[in-house]
Amino acid sequence: MSHHLVGGLEPPYYTVVFTSVQTQELEGYGEVAVRMGQLVKDVPGFLGLDSARTPGGVGITVAYFRDEEAIAAWRRNLEHQEAQRRGREQWYQRYSVHVGRVERSYGFERG
């Protein structure tokens, strides 16, 4: 298992934080999640992605984008829109989305 975290990004940039609670109806979810992870990489201005999920179904995904235009391009993607529709209808009990501009960023790694 990889524990790679996105780092080394030069501010300013933007984050889209997607926090969710899953339902028990997860048929097709894994395949679509993998596809979304592949597809977002093609968006000009996409910088990276961090994601974690608890065994109980609570998930947090943070996507990093260079600017608001990149976020808008991802939002307009038709496959992404279809995945969102399926999420609302089947996979998610609830979710929230938070978009923010990052002004400062730093990290630590034990050598």
PDB file of N, CA and C in Angstrom:
ATOM      1  N   MET A   1       0.839  -1.174   0.000  1.00  0.00           N
ATOM      2  CA  MET A   1       0.000   0.000   0.000  1.00  0.00           C
ATOM      3  C   MET A   1       0.885   1.238   0.000  1.00  0.00           C
ATOM      4  N   SER A   2       0.566   2.185  -0.869  1.00  0.00           N
ATOM      5  CA  SER A   2       1.328   3.415  -0.972  1.00  0.00           C
ATOM      6  C   SER A   2       0.731   4.467  -0.040  1.00  0.00           C
ATOM      7  N   HIS A   3       1.603   5.220   0.595  1.00  0.00           N
ATOM      8  CA  HIS A   3       1.159   6.315   1.444  1.00  0.00           C
ATOM      9  C   HIS A   3       1.666   7.633   0.885  1.00  0.00           C
ATOM     10  N   HIS A   4       1.697   7.726  -0.438  1.00  0.00           N
ATOM     11  CA  HIS A   4       2.146   8.950  -1.096  1.00  0.00           C
ATOM     12  C   HIS A   4       1.114  10.051  -0.890  1.00  0.00           C
ATOM     13  N   LEU A   5       1.566  11.217  -0.509  1.00  0.00           N
ATOM     14  CA  LEU A   5       0.701  12.384  -0.372  1.00  0.00           C
ATOM     15  C   LEU A   5       1.146  13.436  -1.374  1.00  0.00           C
ATOM     16  N   VAL A   6       0.192  14.190  -1.894  1.00  0.00           N
ATOM     17  CA  VAL A   6       0.531  15.282  -2.796  1.00  0.00           C
ATOM     18  C   VAL A   6       1.279  16.330  -1.989  1.00  0.00           C
ATOM     19  N   GLY A   7       2.375  16.782  -2.499  1.00  0.00           N
ATOM     20  CA  GLY A   7       3.165  17.805  -1.825  1.00  0.00           C
ATOM     21  C   GLY A   7       3.978  18.575  -2.847  1.00  0.00           C
ATOM     22  N   GLY A   8       4.670  19.583  -2.380  1.00  0.00           N
ATOM     23  CA  GLY A   8       5.546  20.343  -3.249  1.00  0.00           C
ATOM     24  C   GLY A   8       4.825  21.241  -4.242  1.00  0.00           C
ATOM     25  N   LEU A   9       3.593  21.616  -3.944  1.00  0.00           N
ATOM     26  CA  LEU A   9       2.849  22.494  -4.835  1.00  0.00           C
ATOM     27  C   LEU A   9       3.120  23.943  -4.454  1.00  0.00           C
ATOM     28  N   GLU A  10       3.334  24.768  -5.441  1.00  0.00           N
ATOM     29  CA  GLU A  10       3.624  26.176  -5.210  1.00  0.00           C
ATOM     30  C   GLU A  10       2.312  26.977  -5.182  1.00  0.00           C
ATOM     31  N   PRO A  11       1.960  27.556  -4.034  1.00  0.00           N
ATOM     32  CA  PRO A  11       0.752  28.369  -3.960  1.00  0.00           C
ATOM     33  C   PRO A  11       0.892  29.623  -4.827  1.00  0.00           C
ATOM     34  N   PRO A  12      -0.213  30.218  -5.216  1.00  0.00           N
ATOM     35  CA  PRO A  12      -1.566  29.788  -4.887  1.00  0.00           C
ATOM     36  C   PRO A  12      -2.046  28.671  -5.806  1.00  0.00           C
ATOM     37  N   TYR A  13      -2.915  27.851  -5.271  1.00  0.00           N
ATOM     38  CA  TYR A  13      -3.630  26.830  -6.027  1.00  0.00           C
ATOM     39  C   TYR A  13      -4.948  26.590  -5.309  1.00  0.00           C
ATOM     40  N   TYR A  14      -5.759  25.710  -5.865  1.00  0.00           N
ATOM     41  CA  TYR A  14      -7.095  25.482  -5.327  1.00  0.00           C
ATOM     42  C   TYR A  14      -7.278  24.030  -4.914  1.00  0.00           C
ATOM     43  N   THR A  15      -8.098  23.838  -3.914  1.00  0.00           N
ATOM     44  CA  THR A  15      -8.478  22.483  -3.503  1.00  0.00           C
ATOM     45  C   THR A  15      -9.987  22.332  -3.636  1.00  0.00           C
ATOM     46  N   VAL A  16     -10.380  21.121  -3.994  1.00  0.00           N
ATOM     47  CA  VAL A  16     -11.784  20.726  -3.949  1.00  0.00           C
ATOM     48  C   VAL A  16     -11.831  19.555  -2.979  1.00  0.00           C
ATOM     49  N   VAL A  17     -12.484  19.758  -1.849  1.00  0.00           N
ATOM     50  CA  VAL A  17     -12.575  18.737  -0.810  1.00  0.00           C
ATOM     51  C   VAL A  17     -13.959  18.109  -0.882  1.00  0.00           C
ATOM     52  N   PHE A  18     -13.981  16.807  -1.162  1.00  0.00           N
ATOM     53  CA  PHE A  18     -15.232  16.055  -1.282  1.00  0.00           C
ATOM     54  C   PHE A  18     -15.289  15.088  -0.108  1.00  0.00           C
ATOM     55  N   THR A  19     -16.234  15.319   0.800  1.00  0.00           N
ATOM     56  CA  THR A  19     -16.416  14.482   1.979  1.00  0.00           C
ATOM     57  C   THR A  19     -17.743  13.752   1.824  1.00  0.00           C
ATOM     58  N   SER A  20     -17.733  12.434   2.049  1.00  0.00           N
ATOM     59  CA  SER A  20     -18.949  11.665   1.765  1.00  0.00           C
ATOM     60  C   SER A  20     -19.166  10.549   2.773  1.00  0.00           C
ATOM     61  N   VAL A  21     -20.420  10.124   2.848  1.00  0.00           N
ATOM     62  CA  VAL A  21     -20.818   8.928   3.581  1.00  0.00           C
ATOM     63  C   VAL A  21     -21.512   8.033   2.568  1.00  0.00           C
ATOM     64  N   GLN A  22     -21.033   6.806   2.432  1.00  0.00           N
ATOM     65  CA  GLN A  22     -21.576   5.885   1.438  1.00  0.00           C
ATOM     66  C   GLN A  22     -22.836   5.186   1.935  1.00  0.00           C
ATOM     67  N   THR A  23     -23.626   4.729   0.968  1.00  0.00           N
ATOM     68  CA  THR A  23     -24.745   3.843   1.248  1.00  0.00           C
ATOM     69  C   THR A  23     -24.212   2.409   1.235  1.00  0.00           C
ATOM     70  N   GLN A  24     -25.095   1.454   1.309  1.00  0.00           N
ATOM     71  CA  GLN A  24     -24.714   0.052   1.183  1.00  0.00           C
ATOM     72  C   GLN A  24     -24.768  -0.413  -0.276  1.00  0.00           C
ATOM     73  N   GLU A  25     -25.309   0.418  -1.172  1.00  0.00           N
ATOM     74  CA  GLU A  25     -25.463   0.072  -2.590  1.00  0.00           C
ATOM     75  C   GLU A  25     -24.251   0.554  -3.372  1.00  0.00           C
ATOM     76  N   LEU A  26     -23.195  -0.245  -3.417  1.00  0.00           N
ATOM     77  CA  LEU A  26     -21.936   0.196  -4.021  1.00  0.00           C
ATOM     78  C   LEU A  26     -21.609  -0.510  -5.330  1.00  0.00           C
ATOM     79  N   GLU A  27     -22.592  -1.166  -5.931  1.00  0.00           N
ATOM     80  CA  GLU A  27     -22.345  -1.845  -7.194  1.00  0.00           C
ATOM     81  C   GLU A  27     -21.857  -0.843  -8.249  1.00  0.00           C
ATOM     82  N   GLY A  28     -20.705  -1.119  -8.845  1.00  0.00           N
ATOM     83  CA  GLY A  28     -20.137  -0.267  -9.873  1.00  0.00           C
ATOM     84  C   GLY A  28     -19.295   0.875  -9.349  1.00  0.00           C
ATOM     85  N   TYR A  29     -19.315   1.109  -8.037  1.00  0.00           N
ATOM     86  CA  TYR A  29     -18.609   2.261  -7.467  1.00  0.00           C
ATOM     87  C   TYR A  29     -17.099   2.196  -7.707  1.00  0.00           C
ATOM     88  N   GLY A  30     -16.509   1.052  -7.432  1.00  0.00           N
ATOM     89  CA  GLY A  30     -15.050   0.929  -7.546  1.00  0.00           C
ATOM     90  C   GLY A  30     -14.551   1.239  -8.940  1.00  0.00           C
ATOM     91  N   GLU A  31     -15.228   0.703  -9.935  1.00  0.00           N
ATOM     92  CA  GLU A  31     -14.817   0.926 -11.319  1.00  0.00           C
ATOM     93  C   GLU A  31     -14.931   2.399 -11.702  1.00  0.00           C
ATOM     94  N   VAL A  32     -16.027   3.020 -11.286  1.00  0.00           N
ATOM     95  CA  VAL A  32     -16.233   4.427 -11.619  1.00  0.00           C
ATOM     96  C   VAL A  32     -15.216   5.296 -10.876  1.00  0.00           C
ATOM     97  N   ALA A  33     -14.920   4.974  -9.632  1.00  0.00           N
ATOM     98  CA  ALA A  33     -13.929   5.745  -8.870  1.00  0.00           C
ATOM     99  C   ALA A  33     -12.564   5.683  -9.546  1.00  0.00           C
ATOM    100  N   VAL A  34     -12.179   4.500 -10.007  1.00  0.00           N
ATOM    101  CA  VAL A  34     -10.899   4.361 -10.718  1.00  0.00           C
ATOM    102  C   VAL A  34     -10.923   5.194 -11.995  1.00  0.00           C
ATOM    103  N   ARG A  35     -12.014   5.119 -12.733  1.00  0.00           N
ATOM    104  CA  ARG A  35     -12.140   5.878 -13.988  1.00  0.00           C
ATOM    105  C   ARG A  35     -12.054   7.373 -13.734  1.00  0.00           C
ATOM    106  N   MET A  36     -12.706   7.871 -12.683  1.00  0.00           N
ATOM    107  CA  MET A  36     -12.648   9.297 -12.379  1.00  0.00           C
ATOM    108  C   MET A  36     -11.216   9.712 -12.047  1.00  0.00           C
ATOM    109  N   GLY A  37     -10.504   8.855 -11.301  1.00  0.00           N
ATOM    110  CA  GLY A  37      -9.111   9.142 -10.969  1.00  0.00           C
ATOM    111  C   GLY A  37      -8.228   9.222 -12.193  1.00  0.00           C
ATOM    112  N   GLN A  38      -8.531   8.423 -13.207  1.00  0.00           N
ATOM    113  CA  GLN A  38      -7.784   8.472 -14.467  1.00  0.00           C
ATOM    114  C   GLN A  38      -8.178   9.697 -15.288  1.00  0.00           C
ATOM    115  N   LEU A  39      -9.467   9.955 -15.357  1.00  0.00           N
ATOM    116  CA  LEU A  39     -10.005  11.009 -16.209  1.00  0.00           C
ATOM    117  C   LEU A  39      -9.592  12.402 -15.741  1.00  0.00           C
ATOM    118  N   VAL A  40      -9.587  12.628 -14.448  1.00  0.00           N
ATOM    119  CA  VAL A  40      -9.248  13.960 -13.935  1.00  0.00           C
ATOM    120  C   VAL A  40      -7.809  14.330 -14.276  1.00  0.00           C
ATOM    121  N   LYS A  41      -6.940  13.339 -14.449  1.00  0.00           N
ATOM    122  CA  LYS A  41      -5.543  13.618 -14.800  1.00  0.00           C
ATOM    123  C   LYS A  41      -5.403  14.314 -16.149  1.00  0.00           C
ATOM    124  N   ASP A  42      -6.422  14.189 -17.011  1.00  0.00           N
ATOM    125  CA  ASP A  42      -6.395  14.819 -18.331  1.00  0.00           C
ATOM    126  C   ASP A  42      -6.837  16.281 -18.308  1.00  0.00           C
ATOM    127  N   VAL A  43      -7.306  16.756 -17.176  1.00  0.00           N
ATOM    128  CA  VAL A  43      -7.769  18.142 -17.070  1.00  0.00           C
ATOM    129  C   VAL A  43      -6.551  19.059 -16.960  1.00  0.00           C
ATOM    130  N   PRO A  44      -6.385  19.988 -17.914  1.00  0.00           N
ATOM    131  CA  PRO A  44      -5.275  20.946 -17.791  1.00  0.00           C
ATOM    132  C   PRO A  44      -5.399  21.721 -16.486  1.00  0.00           C
ATOM    133  N   GLY A  45      -4.341  21.754 -15.697  1.00  0.00           N
ATOM    134  CA  GLY A  45      -4.366  22.438 -14.411  1.00  0.00           C
ATOM    135  C   GLY A  45      -4.622  21.526 -13.230  1.00  0.00           C
ATOM    136  N   PHE A  46      -4.884  20.232 -13.480  1.00  0.00           N
ATOM    137  CA  PHE A  46      -5.018  19.277 -12.373  1.00  0.00           C
ATOM    138  C   PHE A  46      -3.627  19.012 -11.813  1.00  0.00           C
ATOM    139  N   LEU A  47      -3.482  19.054 -10.483  1.00  0.00           N
ATOM    140  CA  LEU A  47      -2.175  18.920  -9.840  1.00  0.00           C
ATOM    141  C   LEU A  47      -1.997  17.633  -9.053  1.00  0.00           C
ATOM    142  N   GLY A  48      -3.086  17.005  -8.607  1.00  0.00           N
ATOM    143  CA  GLY A  48      -2.949  15.780  -7.826  1.00  0.00           C
ATOM    144  C   GLY A  48      -4.187  15.509  -7.007  1.00  0.00           C
ATOM    145  N   LEU A  49      -4.120  14.383  -6.253  1.00  0.00           N
ATOM    146  CA  LEU A  49      -5.293  13.899  -5.534  1.00  0.00           C
ATOM    147  C   LEU A  49      -4.846  13.131  -4.301  1.00  0.00           C
ATOM    148  N   ASP A  50      -5.467  13.406  -3.166  1.00  0.00           N
ATOM    149  CA  ASP A  50      -5.310  12.624  -1.944  1.00  0.00           C
ATOM    150  C   ASP A  50      -6.690  12.087  -1.576  1.00  0.00           C
ATOM    151  N   SER A  51      -6.750  10.840  -1.087  1.00  0.00           N
ATOM    152  CA  SER A  51      -8.043  10.256  -0.756  1.00  0.00           C
ATOM    153  C   SER A  51      -7.888   9.243   0.366  1.00  0.00           C
ATOM    154  N   ALA A  52      -8.906   9.186   1.228  1.00  0.00           N
ATOM    155  CA  ALA A  52      -8.927   8.201   2.315  1.00  0.00           C
ATOM    156  C   ALA A  52     -10.371   7.838   2.613  1.00  0.00           C
ATOM    157  N   ARG A  53     -10.573   6.592   3.062  1.00  0.00           N
ATOM    158  CA  ARG A  53     -11.919   6.138   3.410  1.00  0.00           C
ATOM    159  C   ARG A  53     -11.821   5.257   4.656  1.00  0.00           C
ATOM    160  N   THR A  54     -12.766   5.453   5.576  1.00  0.00           N
ATOM    161  CA  THR A  54     -12.821   4.624   6.774  1.00  0.00           C
ATOM    162  C   THR A  54     -13.564   3.326   6.451  1.00  0.00           C
ATOM    163  N   PRO A  55     -13.365   2.282   7.254  1.00  0.00           N
ATOM    164  CA  PRO A  55     -14.129   1.047   7.046  1.00  0.00           C
ATOM    165  C   PRO A  55     -15.642   1.271   7.127  1.00  0.00           C
ATOM    166  N   GLY A  56     -16.079   2.299   7.827  1.00  0.00           N
ATOM    167  CA  GLY A  56     -17.500   2.587   7.950  1.00  0.00           C
ATOM    168  C   GLY A  56     -18.100   3.357   6.790  1.00  0.00           C
ATOM    169  N   GLY A  57     -17.283   3.716   5.790  1.00  0.00           N
ATOM    170  CA  GLY A  57     -17.818   4.362   4.602  1.00  0.00           C
ATOM    171  C   GLY A  57     -17.698   5.872   4.541  1.00  0.00           C
ATOM    172  N   VAL A  58     -17.014   6.493   5.505  1.00  0.00           N
ATOM    173  CA  VAL A  58     -16.779   7.933   5.441  1.00  0.00           C
ATOM    174  C   VAL A  58     -15.520   8.158   4.611  1.00  0.00           C
ATOM    175  N   GLY A  59     -15.624   9.024   3.606  1.00  0.00           N
ATOM    176  CA  GLY A  59     -14.485   9.279   2.735  1.00  0.00           C
ATOM    177  C   GLY A  59     -14.182  10.747   2.602  1.00  0.00           C
ATOM    178  N   ILE A  60     -12.909  11.039   2.387  1.00  0.00           N
ATOM    179  CA  ILE A  60     -12.466  12.404   2.100  1.00  0.00           C
ATOM    180  C   ILE A  60     -11.522  12.329   0.910  1.00  0.00           C
ATOM    181  N   THR A  61     -11.844  13.091  -0.114  1.00  0.00           N
ATOM    182  CA  THR A  61     -10.979  13.203  -1.280  1.00  0.00           C
ATOM    183  C   THR A  61     -10.660  14.674  -1.471  1.00  0.00           C
ATOM    184  N   VAL A  62      -9.377  14.971  -1.637  1.00  0.00           N
ATOM    185  CA  VAL A  62      -8.941  16.336  -1.885  1.00  0.00           C
ATOM    186  C   VAL A  62      -8.270  16.349  -3.246  1.00  0.00           C
ATOM    187  N   ALA A  63      -8.839  17.117  -4.170  1.00  0.00           N
ATOM    188  CA  ALA A  63      -8.251  17.292  -5.494  1.00  0.00           C
ATOM    189  C   ALA A  63      -7.607  18.675  -5.534  1.00  0.00           C
ATOM    190  N   TYR A  64      -6.442  18.756  -6.158  1.00  0.00           N
ATOM    191  CA  TYR A  64      -5.678  19.997  -6.229  1.00  0.00           C
ATOM    192  C   TYR A  64      -5.663  20.483  -7.676  1.00  0.00           C
ATOM    193  N   PHE A  65      -5.979  21.760  -7.869  1.00  0.00           N
ATOM    194  CA  PHE A  65      -6.041  22.350  -9.201  1.00  0.00           C
ATOM    195  C   PHE A  65      -5.282  23.674  -9.200  1.00  0.00           C
ATOM    196  N   ARG A  66      -4.685  24.013 -10.329  1.00  0.00           N
ATOM    197  CA  ARG A  66      -3.919  25.251 -10.449  1.00  0.00           C
ATOM    198  C   ARG A  66      -4.822  26.477 -10.350  1.00  0.00           C
ATOM    199  N   ASP A  67      -6.041  26.403 -10.918  1.00  0.00           N
ATOM    200  CA  ASP A  67      -6.896  27.586 -10.952  1.00  0.00           C
ATOM    201  C   ASP A  67      -8.367  27.178 -11.028  1.00  0.00           C
ATOM    202  N   GLU A  68      -9.227  28.183 -10.933  1.00  0.00           N
ATOM    203  CA  GLU A  68     -10.663  27.919 -10.968  1.00  0.00           C
ATOM    204  C   GLU A  68     -11.132  27.435 -12.335  1.00  0.00           C
ATOM    205  N   GLU A  69     -10.420  27.809 -13.396  1.00  0.00           N
ATOM    206  CA  GLU A  69     -10.779  27.334 -14.735  1.00  0.00           C
ATOM    207  C   GLU A  69     -10.621  25.820 -14.824  1.00  0.00           C
ATOM    208  N   ALA A  70      -9.597  25.272 -14.189  1.00  0.00           N
ATOM    209  CA  ALA A  70      -9.388  23.817 -14.187  1.00  0.00           C
ATOM    210  C   ALA A  70     -10.523  23.122 -13.425  1.00  0.00           C
ATOM    211  N   ILE A  71     -10.950  23.707 -12.324  1.00  0.00           N
ATOM    212  CA  ILE A  71     -12.070  23.141 -11.564  1.00  0.00           C
ATOM    213  C   ILE A  71     -13.334  23.154 -12.425  1.00  0.00           C
ATOM    214  N   ALA A  72     -13.562  24.256 -13.119  1.00  0.00           N
ATOM    215  CA  ALA A  72     -14.747  24.362 -13.975  1.00  0.00           C
ATOM    216  C   ALA A  72     -14.697  23.336 -15.105  1.00  0.00           C
ATOM    217  N   ALA A  73     -13.525  23.104 -15.666  1.00  0.00           N
ATOM    218  CA  ALA A  73     -13.391  22.106 -16.726  1.00  0.00           C
ATOM    219  C   ALA A  73     -13.733  20.719 -16.199  1.00  0.00           C
ATOM    220  N   TRP A  74     -13.286  20.387 -15.000  1.00  0.00           N
ATOM    221  CA  TRP A  74     -13.607  19.098 -14.399  1.00  0.00           C
ATOM    222  C   TRP A  74     -15.108  18.994 -14.125  1.00  0.00           C
ATOM    223  N   ARG A  75     -15.700  20.057 -13.651  1.00  0.00           N
ATOM    224  CA  ARG A  75     -17.133  20.072 -13.373  1.00  0.00           C
ATOM    225  C   ARG A  75     -17.956  19.878 -14.655  1.00  0.00           C
ATOM    226  N   ARG A  76     -17.447  20.361 -15.790  1.00  0.00           N
ATOM    227  CA  ARG A  76     -18.166  20.237 -17.070  1.00  0.00           C
ATOM    228  C   ARG A  76     -17.988  18.871 -17.733  1.00  0.00           C
ATOM    229  N   ASN A  77     -17.050  18.062 -17.274  1.00  0.00           N
ATOM    230  CA  ASN A  77     -16.796  16.768 -17.902  1.00  0.00           C
ATOM    231  C   ASN A  77     -18.035  15.885 -17.807  1.00  0.00           C
ATOM    232  N   LEU A  78     -18.491  15.369 -18.954  1.00  0.00           N
ATOM    233  CA  LEU A  78     -19.749  14.620 -18.993  1.00  0.00           C
ATOM    234  C   LEU A  78     -19.682  13.306 -18.222  1.00  0.00           C
ATOM    235  N   GLU A  79     -18.561  12.598 -18.278  1.00  0.00           N
ATOM    236  CA  GLU A  79     -18.439  11.354 -17.491  1.00  0.00           C
ATOM    237  C   GLU A  79     -18.474  11.663 -16.006  1.00  0.00           C
ATOM    238  N   HIS A  80     -17.845  12.750 -15.610  1.00  0.00           N
ATOM    239  CA  HIS A  80     -17.866  13.168 -14.212  1.00  0.00           C
ATOM    240  C   HIS A  80     -19.296  13.521 -13.786  1.00  0.00           C
ATOM    241  N   GLN A  81     -20.028  14.215 -14.646  1.00  0.00           N
ATOM    242  CA  GLN A  81     -21.412  14.545 -14.335  1.00  0.00           C
ATOM    243  C   GLN A  81     -22.262  13.287 -14.173  1.00  0.00           C
ATOM    244  N   GLU A  82     -22.026  12.285 -15.008  1.00  0.00           N
ATOM    245  CA  GLU A  82     -22.760  11.020 -14.892  1.00  0.00           C
ATOM    246  C   GLU A  82     -22.402  10.308 -13.589  1.00  0.00           C
ATOM    247  N   ALA A  83     -21.122  10.324 -13.209  1.00  0.00           N
ATOM    248  CA  ALA A  83     -20.713   9.718 -11.937  1.00  0.00           C
ATOM    249  C   ALA A  83     -21.374  10.441 -10.765  1.00  0.00           C
ATOM    250  N   GLN A  84     -21.471  11.761 -10.844  1.00  0.00           N
ATOM    251  CA  GLN A  84     -22.143  12.521  -9.786  1.00  0.00           C
ATOM    252  C   GLN A  84     -23.606  12.111  -9.675  1.00  0.00           C
ATOM    253  N   ARG A  85     -24.268  11.963 -10.823  1.00  0.00           N
ATOM    254  CA  ARG A  85     -25.671  11.554 -10.819  1.00  0.00           C
ATOM    255  C   ARG A  85     -25.832  10.191 -10.155  1.00  0.00           C
ATOM    256  N   ARG A  86     -24.975   9.227 -10.531  1.00  0.00           N
ATOM    257  CA  ARG A  86     -25.051   7.897  -9.921  1.00  0.00           C
ATOM    258  C   ARG A  86     -24.753   7.964  -8.433  1.00  0.00           C
ATOM    259  N   GLY A  87     -23.829   8.820  -8.043  1.00  0.00           N
ATOM    260  CA  GLY A  87     -23.520   8.981  -6.629  1.00  0.00           C
ATOM    261  C   GLY A  87     -24.725   9.435  -5.836  1.00  0.00           C
ATOM    262  N   ARG A  88     -25.436  10.430  -6.349  1.00  0.00           N
ATOM    263  CA  ARG A  88     -26.633  10.935  -5.657  1.00  0.00           C
ATOM    264  C   ARG A  88     -27.733   9.882  -5.620  1.00  0.00           C
ATOM    265  N   GLU A  89     -27.875   9.120  -6.698  1.00  0.00           N
ATOM    266  CA  GLU A  89     -28.954   8.132  -6.781  1.00  0.00           C
ATOM    267  C   GLU A  89     -28.656   6.836  -6.034  1.00  0.00           C
ATOM    268  N   GLN A  90     -27.374   6.465  -5.925  1.00  0.00           N
ATOM    269  CA  GLN A  90     -27.060   5.118  -5.450  1.00  0.00           C
ATOM    270  C   GLN A  90     -25.994   5.060  -4.357  1.00  0.00           C
ATOM    271  N   TRP A  91     -24.854   5.690  -4.541  1.00  0.00           N
ATOM    272  CA  TRP A  91     -23.684   5.402  -3.712  1.00  0.00           C
ATOM    273  C   TRP A  91     -23.549   6.230  -2.440  1.00  0.00           C
ATOM    274  N   TYR A  92     -24.130   7.430  -2.393  1.00  0.00           N
ATOM    275  CA  TYR A  92     -23.888   8.319  -1.262  1.00  0.00           C
ATOM    276  C   TYR A  92     -25.144   8.564  -0.440  1.00  0.00           C
ATOM    277  N   GLN A  93     -24.968   8.450   0.862  1.00  0.00           N
ATOM    278  CA  GLN A  93     -26.003   8.843   1.822  1.00  0.00           C
ATOM    279  C   GLN A  93     -26.046  10.370   1.897  1.00  0.00           C
ATOM    280  N   ARG A  94     -24.849  10.950   1.930  1.00  0.00           N
ATOM    281  CA  ARG A  94     -24.697  12.403   1.923  1.00  0.00           C
ATOM    282  C   ARG A  94     -23.266  12.749   1.548  1.00  0.00           C
ATOM    283  N   TYR A  95     -23.092  13.969   1.075  1.00  0.00           N
ATOM    284  CA  TYR A  95     -21.748  14.458   0.782  1.00  0.00           C
ATOM    285  C   TYR A  95     -21.729  15.971   0.877  1.00  0.00           C
ATOM    286  N   SER A  96     -20.521  16.508   0.970  1.00  0.00           N
ATOM    287  CA  SER A  96     -20.323  17.957   0.919  1.00  0.00           C
ATOM    288  C   SER A  96     -19.089  18.236   0.073  1.00  0.00           C
ATOM    289  N   VAL A  97     -19.085  19.395  -0.546  1.00  0.00           N
ATOM    290  CA  VAL A  97     -17.973  19.831  -1.384  1.00  0.00           C
ATOM    291  C   VAL A  97     -17.543  21.203  -0.888  1.00  0.00           C
ATOM    292  N   HIS A  98     -16.251  21.361  -0.696  1.00  0.00           N
ATOM    293  CA  HIS A  98     -15.680  22.633  -0.262  1.00  0.00           C
ATOM    294  C   HIS A  98     -14.571  22.999  -1.231  1.00  0.00           C
ATOM    295  N   VAL A  99     -14.596  24.218  -1.743  1.00  0.00           N
ATOM    296  CA  VAL A  99     -13.573  24.697  -2.675  1.00  0.00           C
ATOM    297  C   VAL A  99     -12.835  25.830  -1.986  1.00  0.00           C
ATOM    298  N   GLY A 100     -11.512  25.756  -2.023  1.00  0.00           N
ATOM    299  CA  GLY A 100     -10.735  26.796  -1.363  1.00  0.00           C
ATOM    300  C   GLY A 100      -9.469  27.144  -2.114  1.00  0.00           C
ATOM    301  N   ARG A 101      -9.016  28.350  -1.907  1.00  0.00           N
ATOM    302  CA  ARG A 101      -7.750  28.819  -2.483  1.00  0.00           C
ATOM    303  C   ARG A 101      -6.670  28.652  -1.416  1.00  0.00           C
ATOM    304  N   VAL A 102      -5.593  27.996  -1.767  1.00  0.00           N
ATOM    305  CA  VAL A 102      -4.488  27.766  -0.834  1.00  0.00           C
ATOM    306  C   VAL A 102      -3.462  28.877  -1.016  1.00  0.00           C
ATOM    307  N   GLU A 103      -3.179  29.565   0.067  1.00  0.00           N
ATOM    308  CA  GLU A 103      -2.205  30.659   0.063  1.00  0.00           C
ATOM    309  C   GLU A 103      -0.845  30.228   0.597  1.00  0.00           C
ATOM    310  N   ARG A 104      -0.851  29.210   1.456  1.00  0.00           N
ATOM    311  CA  ARG A 104       0.390  28.746   2.073  1.00  0.00           C
ATOM    312  C   ARG A 104       0.310  27.232   2.149  1.00  0.00           C
ATOM    313  N   SER A 105       1.442  26.573   1.933  1.00  0.00           N
ATOM    314  CA  SER A 105       1.488  25.117   1.940  1.00  0.00           C
ATOM    315  C   SER A 105       2.868  24.663   2.394  1.00  0.00           C
ATOM    316  N   TYR A 106       2.910  23.668   3.264  1.00  0.00           N
ATOM    317  CA  TYR A 106       4.185  23.133   3.711  1.00  0.00           C
ATOM    318  C   TYR A 106       3.966  21.703   4.165  1.00  0.00           C
ATOM    319  N   GLY A 107       5.021  20.966   4.403  1.00  0.00           N
ATOM    320  CA  GLY A 107       4.902  19.582   4.816  1.00  0.00           C
ATOM    321  C   GLY A 107       6.105  19.103   5.599  1.00  0.00           C
ATOM    322  N   PHE A 108       6.091  17.844   5.920  1.00  0.00           N
ATOM    323  CA  PHE A 108       7.165  17.187   6.675  1.00  0.00           C
ATOM    324  C   PHE A 108       7.254  15.762   6.190  1.00  0.00           C
ATOM    325  N   GLU A 109       8.453  15.246   6.087  1.00  0.00           N
ATOM    326  CA  GLU A 109       8.659  13.841   5.787  1.00  0.00           C
ATOM    327  C   GLU A 109       9.869  13.341   6.563  1.00  0.00           C
ATOM    328  N   ARG A 110       9.666  12.295   7.339  1.00  0.00           N
ATOM    329  CA  ARG A 110      10.761  11.713   8.102  1.00  0.00           C
ATOM    330  C   ARG A 110      11.725  11.045   7.140  1.00  0.00           C
ATOM    331  N   GLY A 111      12.978  11.392   7.232  1.00  0.00           N
ATOM    332  CA  GLY A 111      13.985  10.858   6.301  1.00  0.00           C
ATOM    333  C   GLY A 111      14.585   9.645   6.845  1.00  0.00           C
TER     334      GLY A 111
END
